[in-house]
Amino acid sequence: MDNKSISLFENYKIRRQYDEKTETWYFSVVDILAVLIQQPDYQTARKYWNKLKERLKKEGSESVTNCHQLKLEAADGKKYLTDAANPETLLRLIQSVPSPKAEPIKLWLAKVGYERIQDMSDPARSLDRAREYWQQHGRSEKWIQQRMMGQETRNKLTDYWKNHEINKEEEYAILTNIIHQEWSGVSVKKHKTIKGLKTQNLRDHMTEAELIFTALAELSTRQIAESVDATGMKENTEASKKGGRIAKRARLELEAKTGKSVVTGENFLPPNTNKKPLKNDVYGEASNSRNDE
């Protein structure tokens, strides 16, 4: 079995599958439950899951509905349809399992929920937590300041979209990708690939220059949209292209002066998970996939 398709926890093998499109890991529910109930026998763990599914369905829980059936490799080397779930759904399922192994996770969920309530009443708390997180992961004060300023610019843009008939999550993603591709020459997905990222937040792995140009593109987009009162996808798409191109021109001018690409493979991944970045010819490497998204 491909070692990327399994994860080990206390000598238990947990099968998983990565969805490239949604950038999400899906884990075998039975394998997770086997750990929680400390049951190494697969069939016993499967029967436990079947009983739990029946109870959850009667209670009206959506957790079972949110599970996907994926073909995962079994002990005999063959692949069978298996219930799998993303981390969010798994956390909900874990709360339904009376197990000492689940208790630490339940306590963590309660803590996260309490912090979320605090954040809603005092947004400054979440900013302080983010700053502390970045400091713990070795980010410089200069980088942290740029990251937070960029987030403020991003929030103002999404607030504008929200008030101008951009409501669906996929619409936000499409517009974000348009802006990013216009200024950087690569899609968001390609940029993550260049940096060797999967589920990580791209902005948390940007260099200072990448953060600045992202902010310039989004600031320009919002101001252009505001100047024409852009409403709906069509008009905001046009504003996004124009805003991204302003940052693109600035990027090209800087690269011409320095001889260095703004978009790089630099990241903050731990050494043991750090992938080798793509070759320095970032734009040449990415040019064949500009229309992949």
C-alpha atoms as a PDB file:
ATOM      1  CA  MET A   1       0.000   0.000   0.000  1.00  0.00           C
ATOM      2  CA  ASP A   2       1.300   3.474  -0.880  1.00  0.00           C
ATOM      3  CA  ASN A   3       2.627   4.991   2.349  1.00  0.00           C
ATOM      4  CA  LYS A   4       0.893   8.256   1.434  1.00  0.00           C
ATOM      5  CA  SER A   5      -2.442   6.436   1.616  1.00  0.00           C
ATOM      6  CA  ILE A   6      -2.047   5.419   5.261  1.00  0.00           C
ATOM      7  CA  SER A   7      -1.363   7.187   8.528  1.00  0.00           C
ATOM      8  CA  LEU A   8      -0.189   5.491  11.713  1.00  0.00           C
ATOM      9  CA  PHE A   9      -1.620   6.191  15.173  1.00  0.00           C
ATOM     10  CA  GLU A  10      -0.528   4.005  18.098  1.00  0.00           C
ATOM     11  CA  ASN A  11       0.278   1.149  15.693  1.00  0.00           C
ATOM     12  CA  TYR A  12      -3.148   1.402  14.053  1.00  0.00           C
ATOM     13  CA  LYS A  13      -3.185   1.913  10.299  1.00  0.00           C
ATOM     14  CA  ILE A  14      -5.606   4.634   9.230  1.00  0.00           C
ATOM     15  CA  ARG A  15      -6.331   4.576   5.519  1.00  0.00           C
ATOM     16  CA  ARG A  16      -6.761   7.905   3.794  1.00  0.00           C
ATOM     17  CA  GLN A  17      -7.155   9.460   0.368  1.00  0.00           C
ATOM     18  CA  TYR A  18      -6.313  12.969  -0.781  1.00  0.00           C
ATOM     19  CA  ASP A  19      -8.778  14.847  -3.000  1.00  0.00           C
ATOM     20  CA  GLU A  20      -6.682  17.130  -5.217  1.00  0.00           C
ATOM     21  CA  LYS A  21      -9.693  19.132  -6.389  1.00  0.00           C
ATOM     22  CA  THR A  22     -10.902  20.155  -2.925  1.00  0.00           C
ATOM     23  CA  GLU A  23      -7.452  19.825  -1.309  1.00  0.00           C
ATOM     24  CA  THR A  24      -8.949  17.679   1.456  1.00  0.00           C
ATOM     25  CA  TRP A  25      -7.882  14.477   3.174  1.00  0.00           C
ATOM     26  CA  TYR A  26     -10.555  11.773   3.640  1.00  0.00           C
ATOM     27  CA  PHE A  27      -9.971   9.143   6.325  1.00  0.00           C
ATOM     28  CA  SER A  28     -11.511   5.690   6.769  1.00  0.00           C
ATOM     29  CA  VAL A  29     -14.201   6.029   9.447  1.00  0.00           C
ATOM     30  CA  VAL A  30     -13.861   2.393  10.547  1.00  0.00           C
ATOM     31  CA  ASP A  31     -10.108   2.808  11.014  1.00  0.00           C
ATOM     32  CA  ILE A  32     -10.610   5.906  13.176  1.00  0.00           C
ATOM     33  CA  LEU A  33     -13.253   4.145  15.270  1.00  0.00           C
ATOM     34  CA  ALA A  34     -10.947   1.142  15.711  1.00  0.00           C
ATOM     35  CA  VAL A  35      -8.470   3.458  17.435  1.00  0.00           C
ATOM     36  CA  LEU A  36     -11.124   5.087  19.622  1.00  0.00           C
ATOM     37  CA  ILE A  37     -12.602   1.806  20.847  1.00  0.00           C
ATOM     38  CA  GLN A  38      -9.180   0.101  20.905  1.00  0.00           C
ATOM     39  CA  GLN A  39     -10.382  -2.690  18.629  1.00  0.00           C
ATOM     40  CA  PRO A  40      -7.720  -4.175  16.309  1.00  0.00           C
ATOM     41  CA  ASP A  41     -10.223  -6.535  14.650  1.00  0.00           C
ATOM     42  CA  TYR A  42     -11.549  -4.845  11.519  1.00  0.00           C
ATOM     43  CA  GLN A  43     -14.855  -6.705  11.375  1.00  0.00           C
ATOM     44  CA  THR A  44     -15.689  -5.838  14.990  1.00  0.00           C
ATOM     45  CA  ALA A  45     -14.892  -2.167  14.319  1.00  0.00           C
ATOM     46  CA  ARG A  46     -17.038  -2.292  11.172  1.00  0.00           C
ATOM     47  CA  LYS A  47     -20.002  -3.707  13.127  1.00  0.00           C
ATOM     48  CA  TYR A  48     -19.573  -0.927  15.694  1.00  0.00           C
ATOM     49  CA  TRP A  49     -19.705   1.651  12.888  1.00  0.00           C
ATOM     50  CA  ASN A  50     -22.856   0.082  11.432  1.00  0.00           C
ATOM     51  CA  LYS A  51     -24.595   0.314  14.814  1.00  0.00           C
ATOM     52  CA  LEU A  52     -23.381   3.884  15.307  1.00  0.00           C
ATOM     53  CA  LYS A  53     -24.670   4.834  11.847  1.00  0.00           C
ATOM     54  CA  GLU A  54     -28.130   3.521  12.703  1.00  0.00           C
ATOM     55  CA  ARG A  55     -28.230   5.511  15.944  1.00  0.00           C
ATOM     56  CA  LEU A  56     -26.993   8.722  14.304  1.00  0.00           C
ATOM     57  CA  LYS A  57     -29.569   8.418  11.513  1.00  0.00           C
ATOM     58  CA  LYS A  58     -32.375   8.046  14.073  1.00  0.00           C
ATOM     59  CA  GLU A  59     -31.080  11.141  15.873  1.00  0.00           C
ATOM     60  CA  GLY A  60     -31.180  13.097  12.611  1.00  0.00           C
ATOM     61  CA  SER A  61     -27.416  13.640  12.495  1.00  0.00           C
ATOM     62  CA  GLU A  62     -25.973  14.722   9.141  1.00  0.00           C
ATOM     63  CA  SER A  63     -22.591  13.173   9.915  1.00  0.00           C
ATOM     64  CA  VAL A  64     -23.451   9.880   8.202  1.00  0.00           C
ATOM     65  CA  THR A  65     -24.796  11.711   5.138  1.00  0.00           C
ATOM     66  CA  ASN A  66     -21.555  13.679   4.903  1.00  0.00           C
ATOM     67  CA  CYS A  67     -19.462  10.513   4.653  1.00  0.00           C
ATOM     68  CA  HIS A  68     -18.182   9.513   1.217  1.00  0.00           C
ATOM     69  CA  GLN A  69     -17.707   6.043  -0.188  1.00  0.00           C
ATOM     70  CA  LEU A  70     -14.170   5.741  -1.504  1.00  0.00           C
ATOM     71  CA  LYS A  71     -12.262   2.748  -2.820  1.00  0.00           C
ATOM     72  CA  LEU A  72      -9.585   2.070  -0.210  1.00  0.00           C
ATOM     73  CA  GLU A  73      -7.154  -0.819  -0.155  1.00  0.00           C
ATOM     74  CA  ALA A  74      -7.927  -3.584   2.349  1.00  0.00           C
ATOM     75  CA  ALA A  75      -5.630  -6.087   4.055  1.00  0.00           C
ATOM     76  CA  ASP A  76      -6.016  -8.539   1.144  1.00  0.00           C
ATOM     77  CA  GLY A  77      -4.576  -5.968  -1.260  1.00  0.00           C
ATOM     78  CA  LYS A  78      -7.895  -5.359  -3.025  1.00  0.00           C
ATOM     79  CA  LYS A  79      -9.815  -2.076  -3.024  1.00  0.00           C
ATOM     80  CA  TYR A  80     -13.332  -1.897  -1.632  1.00  0.00           C
ATOM     81  CA  LEU A  81     -15.851   0.899  -1.196  1.00  0.00           C
ATOM     82  CA  THR A  82     -15.315   2.240   2.326  1.00  0.00           C
ATOM     83  CA  ASP A  83     -16.977   5.006   4.325  1.00  0.00           C
ATOM     84  CA  ALA A  84     -14.579   7.930   4.563  1.00  0.00           C
ATOM     85  CA  ALA A  85     -14.922  11.410   6.023  1.00  0.00           C
ATOM     86  CA  ASN A  86     -13.089  14.712   6.090  1.00  0.00           C
ATOM     87  CA  PRO A  87     -11.661  16.052   9.389  1.00  0.00           C
ATOM     88  CA  GLU A  88     -14.729  18.192  10.155  1.00  0.00           C
ATOM     89  CA  THR A  89     -17.143  15.268   9.856  1.00  0.00           C
ATOM     90  CA  LEU A  90     -14.779  13.002  11.805  1.00  0.00           C
ATOM     91  CA  LEU A  91     -14.695  15.457  14.700  1.00  0.00           C
ATOM     92  CA  ARG A  92     -18.489  15.340  14.839  1.00  0.00           C
ATOM     93  CA  LEU A  93     -18.479  11.544  14.806  1.00  0.00           C
ATOM     94  CA  ILE A  94     -15.857  11.400  17.538  1.00  0.00           C
ATOM     95  CA  GLN A  95     -18.197  13.315  19.838  1.00  0.00           C
ATOM     96  CA  SER A  96     -20.651  10.396  19.559  1.00  0.00           C
ATOM     97  CA  VAL A  97     -18.133   7.792  20.701  1.00  0.00           C
ATOM     98  CA  PRO A  98     -17.882   7.091  24.474  1.00  0.00           C
ATOM     99  CA  SER A  99     -14.150   6.468  24.574  1.00  0.00           C
ATOM    100  CA  PRO A 100     -11.251   7.703  26.768  1.00  0.00           C
ATOM    101  CA  LYS A 101      -9.323   8.158  23.514  1.00  0.00           C
ATOM    102  CA  ALA A 102     -11.966  10.589  22.296  1.00  0.00           C
ATOM    103  CA  GLU A 103     -12.044  12.639  25.488  1.00  0.00           C
ATOM    104  CA  PRO A 104      -8.909  14.770  24.759  1.00  0.00           C
ATOM    105  CA  ILE A 105     -10.363  15.677  21.371  1.00  0.00           C
ATOM    106  CA  LYS A 106     -13.744  16.519  22.904  1.00  0.00           C
ATOM    107  CA  LEU A 107     -12.053  18.818  25.447  1.00  0.00           C
ATOM    108  CA  TRP A 108     -10.133  20.480  22.635  1.00  0.00           C
ATOM    109  CA  LEU A 109     -13.355  21.013  20.677  1.00  0.00           C
ATOM    110  CA  ALA A 110     -14.965  22.639  23.718  1.00  0.00           C
ATOM    111  CA  LYS A 111     -11.958  24.940  24.096  1.00  0.00           C
ATOM    112  CA  VAL A 112     -12.033  25.879  20.406  1.00  0.00           C
ATOM    113  CA  GLY A 113     -15.768  26.543  20.601  1.00  0.00           C
ATOM    114  CA  TYR A 114     -15.322  28.787  23.648  1.00  0.00           C
ATOM    115  CA  GLU A 115     -12.511  30.699  21.907  1.00  0.00           C
ATOM    116  CA  ARG A 116     -14.727  31.152  18.866  1.00  0.00           C
ATOM    117  CA  ILE A 117     -17.445  32.715  21.032  1.00  0.00           C
ATOM    118  CA  GLN A 118     -14.829  35.045  22.513  1.00  0.00           C
ATOM    119  CA  ASP A 119     -13.624  35.998  19.020  1.00  0.00           C
ATOM    120  CA  MET A 120     -17.148  36.903  17.942  1.00  0.00           C
ATOM    121  CA  SER A 121     -17.533  39.301  20.879  1.00  0.00           C
ATOM    122  CA  ASP A 122     -13.961  40.629  20.621  1.00  0.00           C
ATOM    123  CA  PRO A 123     -12.300  40.113  17.181  1.00  0.00           C
ATOM    124  CA  ALA A 124      -9.000  41.447  18.527  1.00  0.00           C
ATOM    125  CA  ARG A 125      -8.571  38.143  20.390  1.00  0.00           C
ATOM    126  CA  SER A 126      -8.350  36.170  17.146  1.00  0.00           C
ATOM    127  CA  LEU A 127      -5.723  38.609  15.824  1.00  0.00           C
ATOM    128  CA  ASP A 128      -3.662  38.160  18.976  1.00  0.00           C
ATOM    129  CA  ARG A 129      -3.925  34.389  18.643  1.00  0.00           C
ATOM    130  CA  ALA A 130      -2.826  34.537  15.000  1.00  0.00           C
ATOM    131  CA  ARG A 131       0.167  36.718  15.905  1.00  0.00           C
ATOM    132  CA  GLU A 132       1.146  34.299  18.676  1.00  0.00           C
ATOM    133  CA  TYR A 133       0.825  31.333  16.287  1.00  0.00           C
ATOM    134  CA  TRP A 134       3.089  32.964  13.683  1.00  0.00           C
ATOM    135  CA  GLN A 135       5.628  33.927  16.343  1.00  0.00           C
ATOM    136  CA  GLN A 136       5.745  30.334  17.595  1.00  0.00           C
ATOM    137  CA  HIS A 137       6.433  29.205  14.027  1.00  0.00           C
ATOM    138  CA  GLY A 138       9.385  31.532  13.610  1.00  0.00           C
ATOM    139  CA  ARG A 139       7.890  34.346  11.545  1.00  0.00           C
ATOM    140  CA  SER A 140       9.593  37.739  11.891  1.00  0.00           C
ATOM    141  CA  GLU A 141       7.698  40.755  13.236  1.00  0.00           C
ATOM    142  CA  LYS A 142       8.066  42.393   9.826  1.00  0.00           C
ATOM    143  CA  TRP A 143       6.473  39.385   8.107  1.00  0.00           C
ATOM    144  CA  ILE A 144       3.673  39.204  10.683  1.00  0.00           C
ATOM    145  CA  GLN A 145       2.863  42.889  10.204  1.00  0.00           C
ATOM    146  CA  GLN A 146       2.708  42.450   6.433  1.00  0.00           C
ATOM    147  CA  ARG A 147       0.539  39.336   6.787  1.00  0.00           C
ATOM    148  CA  MET A 148      -1.946  41.124   9.031  1.00  0.00           C
ATOM    149  CA  MET A 149      -2.112  44.208   6.802  1.00  0.00           C
ATOM    150  CA  GLY A 150      -2.725  41.951   3.834  1.00  0.00           C
ATOM    151  CA  GLN A 151      -5.539  40.191   5.696  1.00  0.00           C
ATOM    152  CA  GLU A 152      -7.184  43.522   6.458  1.00  0.00           C
ATOM    153  CA  THR A 153      -7.053  44.407   2.752  1.00  0.00           C
ATOM    154  CA  ARG A 154      -8.507  40.994   1.909  1.00  0.00           C
ATOM    155  CA  ASN A 155     -11.345  41.413   4.418  1.00  0.00           C
ATOM    156  CA  LYS A 156     -12.346  44.772   2.951  1.00  0.00           C
ATOM    157  CA  LEU A 157     -12.509  43.209  -0.516  1.00  0.00           C
ATOM    158  CA  THR A 158     -14.633  40.243   0.585  1.00  0.00           C
ATOM    159  CA  ASP A 159     -16.921  42.616   2.502  1.00  0.00           C
ATOM    160  CA  TYR A 160     -17.430  44.549  -0.727  1.00  0.00           C
ATOM    161  CA  TRP A 161     -18.202  41.349  -2.646  1.00  0.00           C
ATOM    162  CA  LYS A 162     -20.657  40.237   0.008  1.00  0.00           C
ATOM    163  CA  ASN A 163     -22.574  43.495  -0.342  1.00  0.00           C
ATOM    164  CA  HIS A 164     -22.574  43.329  -4.146  1.00  0.00           C
ATOM    165  CA  GLU A 165     -24.219  39.992  -4.918  1.00  0.00           C
ATOM    166  CA  ILE A 166     -21.229  37.688  -4.470  1.00  0.00           C
ATOM    167  CA  ASN A 167     -22.643  35.099  -2.084  1.00  0.00           C
ATOM    168  CA  LYS A 168     -21.464  31.609  -2.984  1.00  0.00           C
ATOM    169  CA  GLU A 169     -18.184  30.230  -1.678  1.00  0.00           C
ATOM    170  CA  GLU A 170     -17.154  29.096  -5.152  1.00  0.00           C
ATOM    171  CA  GLU A 171     -17.682  32.646  -6.465  1.00  0.00           C
ATOM    172  CA  TYR A 172     -15.234  33.990  -3.882  1.00  0.00           C
ATOM    173  CA  ALA A 173     -12.742  31.307  -4.931  1.00  0.00           C
ATOM    174  CA  ILE A 174     -13.134  32.070  -8.637  1.00  0.00           C
ATOM    175  CA  LEU A 175     -12.615  35.818  -8.169  1.00  0.00           C
ATOM    176  CA  THR A 176      -9.662  35.229  -5.843  1.00  0.00           C
ATOM    177  CA  ASN A 177      -8.043  32.959  -8.416  1.00  0.00           C
ATOM    178  CA  ILE A 178      -8.589  35.510 -11.202  1.00  0.00           C
ATOM    179  CA  ILE A 179      -6.845  38.232  -9.188  1.00  0.00           C
ATOM    180  CA  HIS A 180      -4.013  35.885  -8.235  1.00  0.00           C
ATOM    181  CA  GLN A 181      -3.443  34.598 -11.739  1.00  0.00           C
ATOM    182  CA  GLU A 182      -3.468  38.102 -13.195  1.00  0.00           C
ATOM    183  CA  TRP A 183      -0.833  39.513 -10.849  1.00  0.00           C
ATOM    184  CA  SER A 184       1.379  36.434 -10.410  1.00  0.00           C
ATOM    185  CA  GLY A 185       1.068  34.633 -13.750  1.00  0.00           C
ATOM    186  CA  VAL A 186       0.050  31.392 -12.005  1.00  0.00           C
ATOM    187  CA  SER A 187      -3.151  30.090 -10.450  1.00  0.00           C
ATOM    188  CA  VAL A 188      -3.540  29.703  -6.686  1.00  0.00           C
ATOM    189  CA  LYS A 189      -3.280  25.930  -7.087  1.00  0.00           C
ATOM    190  CA  LYS A 190      -0.111  26.198  -9.164  1.00  0.00           C
ATOM    191  CA  HIS A 191       1.415  28.642  -6.695  1.00  0.00           C
ATOM    192  CA  LYS A 192       0.815  26.115  -3.901  1.00  0.00           C
ATOM    193  CA  THR A 193       2.415  23.401  -6.011  1.00  0.00           C
ATOM    194  CA  ILE A 194       5.466  25.592  -6.581  1.00  0.00           C
ATOM    195  CA  LYS A 195       5.826  25.930  -2.821  1.00  0.00           C
ATOM    196  CA  GLY A 196       5.220  22.234  -2.153  1.00  0.00           C
ATOM    197  CA  LEU A 197       1.969  22.893  -0.250  1.00  0.00           C
ATOM    198  CA  LYS A 198      -1.180  20.797  -0.028  1.00  0.00           C
ATOM    199  CA  THR A 199      -3.703  21.689   2.657  1.00  0.00           C
ATOM    200  CA  GLN A 200      -1.644  24.584   4.055  1.00  0.00           C
ATOM    201  CA  ASN A 201      -2.752  28.197   3.687  1.00  0.00           C
ATOM    202  CA  LEU A 202      -0.853  29.734   0.764  1.00  0.00           C
ATOM    203  CA  ARG A 203      -0.632  33.190   2.364  1.00  0.00           C
ATOM    204  CA  ASP A 204       0.965  31.730   5.482  1.00  0.00           C
ATOM    205  CA  HIS A 205       3.832  30.572   3.245  1.00  0.00           C
ATOM    206  CA  MET A 206       4.267  33.685   1.107  1.00  0.00           C
ATOM    207  CA  THR A 207       7.382  35.800   1.151  1.00  0.00           C
ATOM    208  CA  GLU A 208       7.134  39.469   2.081  1.00  0.00           C
ATOM    209  CA  ALA A 209       7.112  40.429  -1.624  1.00  0.00           C
ATOM    210  CA  GLU A 210       4.355  37.921  -2.473  1.00  0.00           C
ATOM    211  CA  LEU A 211       2.231  39.276   0.382  1.00  0.00           C
ATOM    212  CA  ILE A 212       2.735  42.857  -0.783  1.00  0.00           C
ATOM    213  CA  PHE A 213       1.782  42.153  -4.396  1.00  0.00           C
ATOM    214  CA  THR A 214      -1.237  40.111  -3.314  1.00  0.00           C
ATOM    215  CA  ALA A 215      -2.397  43.029  -1.173  1.00  0.00           C
ATOM    216  CA  LEU A 216      -1.781  45.523  -4.005  1.00  0.00           C
ATOM    217  CA  ALA A 217      -3.837  43.393  -6.409  1.00  0.00           C
ATOM    218  CA  GLU A 218      -6.734  43.068  -3.953  1.00  0.00           C
ATOM    219  CA  LEU A 219      -6.636  46.737  -2.945  1.00  0.00           C
ATOM    220  CA  SER A 220      -6.675  47.771  -6.620  1.00  0.00           C
ATOM    221  CA  THR A 221      -9.533  45.375  -7.341  1.00  0.00           C
ATOM    222  CA  ARG A 222     -11.688  46.793  -4.536  1.00  0.00           C
ATOM    223  CA  GLN A 223     -11.064  50.416  -5.474  1.00  0.00           C
ATOM    224  CA  ILE A 224     -11.797  49.746  -9.152  1.00  0.00           C
ATOM    225  CA  ALA A 225     -14.969  47.859  -8.211  1.00  0.00           C
ATOM    226  CA  GLU A 226     -16.058  50.689  -5.926  1.00  0.00           C
ATOM    227  CA  SER A 227     -15.465  53.298  -8.639  1.00  0.00           C
ATOM    228  CA  VAL A 228     -17.979  51.601 -10.965  1.00  0.00           C
ATOM    229  CA  ASP A 229     -20.174  50.023  -8.275  1.00  0.00           C
ATOM    230  CA  ALA A 230     -19.407  46.564  -9.697  1.00  0.00           C
ATOM    231  CA  THR A 231     -22.217  44.145  -8.859  1.00  0.00           C
ATOM    232  CA  GLY A 232     -22.505  40.417  -9.516  1.00  0.00           C
ATOM    233  CA  MET A 233     -19.975  38.003 -11.000  1.00  0.00           C
ATOM    234  CA  LYS A 234     -19.617  39.545 -14.449  1.00  0.00           C
ATOM    235  CA  GLU A 235     -18.764  43.052 -13.302  1.00  0.00           C
ATOM    236  CA  ASN A 236     -16.595  41.891 -10.392  1.00  0.00           C
ATOM    237  CA  THR A 237     -14.722  39.525 -12.691  1.00  0.00           C
ATOM    238  CA  GLU A 238     -13.775  42.466 -14.883  1.00  0.00           C
ATOM    239  CA  ALA A 239     -12.707  44.529 -11.855  1.00  0.00           C
ATOM    240  CA  SER A 240     -10.643  41.570 -10.577  1.00  0.00           C
ATOM    241  CA  LYS A 241      -8.794  41.299 -13.885  1.00  0.00           C
ATOM    242  CA  LYS A 242      -8.010  45.010 -13.938  1.00  0.00           C
ATOM    243  CA  GLY A 243      -6.894  45.041 -10.307  1.00  0.00           C
ATOM    244  CA  GLY A 244      -4.649  42.040 -10.809  1.00  0.00           C
ATOM    245  CA  ARG A 245      -3.057  43.581 -13.901  1.00  0.00           C
ATOM    246  CA  ILE A 246      -2.038  46.693 -11.963  1.00  0.00           C
ATOM    247  CA  ALA A 247      -0.047  44.517  -9.556  1.00  0.00           C
ATOM    248  CA  LYS A 248       1.288  42.495 -12.494  1.00  0.00           C
ATOM    249  CA  ARG A 249       2.812  45.590 -14.098  1.00  0.00           C
ATOM    250  CA  ALA A 250       4.477  46.483 -10.810  1.00  0.00           C
ATOM    251  CA  ARG A 251       5.767  42.927 -10.428  1.00  0.00           C
ATOM    252  CA  LEU A 252       7.251  42.845 -13.917  1.00  0.00           C
ATOM    253  CA  GLU A 253       8.986  46.178 -13.352  1.00  0.00           C
ATOM    254  CA  LEU A 254      10.499  44.991 -10.077  1.00  0.00           C
ATOM    255  CA  GLU A 255      11.643  41.702 -11.623  1.00  0.00           C
ATOM    256  CA  ALA A 256      13.252  43.604 -14.506  1.00  0.00           C
ATOM    257  CA  LYS A 257      15.204  45.737 -12.028  1.00  0.00           C
ATOM    258  CA  THR A 258      16.251  42.914  -9.677  1.00  0.00           C
ATOM    259  CA  GLY A 259      16.492  39.959 -12.050  1.00  0.00           C
ATOM    260  CA  LYS A 260      14.591  37.849  -9.495  1.00  0.00           C
ATOM    261  CA  SER A 261      11.137  36.258  -9.660  1.00  0.00           C
ATOM    262  CA  VAL A 262       8.638  37.502  -7.101  1.00  0.00           C
ATOM    263  CA  VAL A 263       6.820  34.157  -7.107  1.00  0.00           C
ATOM    264  CA  THR A 264       9.131  31.618  -5.495  1.00  0.00           C
ATOM    265  CA  GLY A 265       9.174  28.156  -3.994  1.00  0.00           C
ATOM    266  CA  GLU A 266      10.105  29.532  -0.569  1.00  0.00           C
ATOM    267  CA  ASN A 267       7.903  28.335   2.292  1.00  0.00           C
ATOM    268  CA  PHE A 268       7.848  27.777   6.043  1.00  0.00           C
ATOM    269  CA  LEU A 269       7.305  24.008   5.997  1.00  0.00           C
ATOM    270  CA  PRO A 270       9.211  21.910   8.550  1.00  0.00           C
ATOM    271  CA  PRO A 271      12.386  20.383   7.009  1.00  0.00           C
ATOM    272  CA  ASN A 272      11.024  16.805   7.137  1.00  0.00           C
ATOM    273  CA  THR A 273       7.903  17.743   5.111  1.00  0.00           C
ATOM    274  CA  ASN A 274       9.503  20.341   2.867  1.00  0.00           C
ATOM    275  CA  LYS A 275       9.240  19.425  -0.793  1.00  0.00           C
ATOM    276  CA  LYS A 276      11.857  20.469  -3.290  1.00  0.00           C
ATOM    277  CA  PRO A 277      10.581  23.652  -4.993  1.00  0.00           C
ATOM    278  CA  LEU A 278      10.104  23.738  -8.730  1.00  0.00           C
ATOM    279  CA  LYS A 279      12.852  25.123 -10.921  1.00  0.00           C
ATOM    280  CA  ASN A 280      13.607  28.840 -10.841  1.00  0.00           C
ATOM    281  CA  ASP A 281      11.881  29.407 -14.173  1.00  0.00           C
ATOM    282  CA  VAL A 282       8.589  29.689 -12.342  1.00  0.00           C
ATOM    283  CA  TYR A 283       6.602  31.342 -15.088  1.00  0.00           C
ATOM    284  CA  GLY A 284       7.927  29.085 -17.841  1.00  0.00           C
ATOM    285  CA  GLU A 285       7.159  26.050 -15.691  1.00  0.00           C
ATOM    286  CA  ALA A 286       3.635  27.291 -15.056  1.00  0.00           C
ATOM    287  CA  SER A 287       2.784  28.621 -18.494  1.00  0.00           C
ATOM    288  CA  ASN A 288       1.380  25.325 -19.762  1.00  0.00           C
ATOM    289  CA  SER A 289      -1.150  25.153 -16.933  1.00  0.00           C
ATOM    290  CA  ARG A 290      -2.536  28.685 -16.889  1.00  0.00           C
ATOM    291  CA  ASN A 291      -5.910  27.445 -18.020  1.00  0.00           C
ATOM    292  CA  ASP A 292      -6.003  24.341 -15.826  1.00  0.00           C
ATOM    293  CA  GLU A 293      -8.175  25.899 -13.146  1.00  0.00           C
END
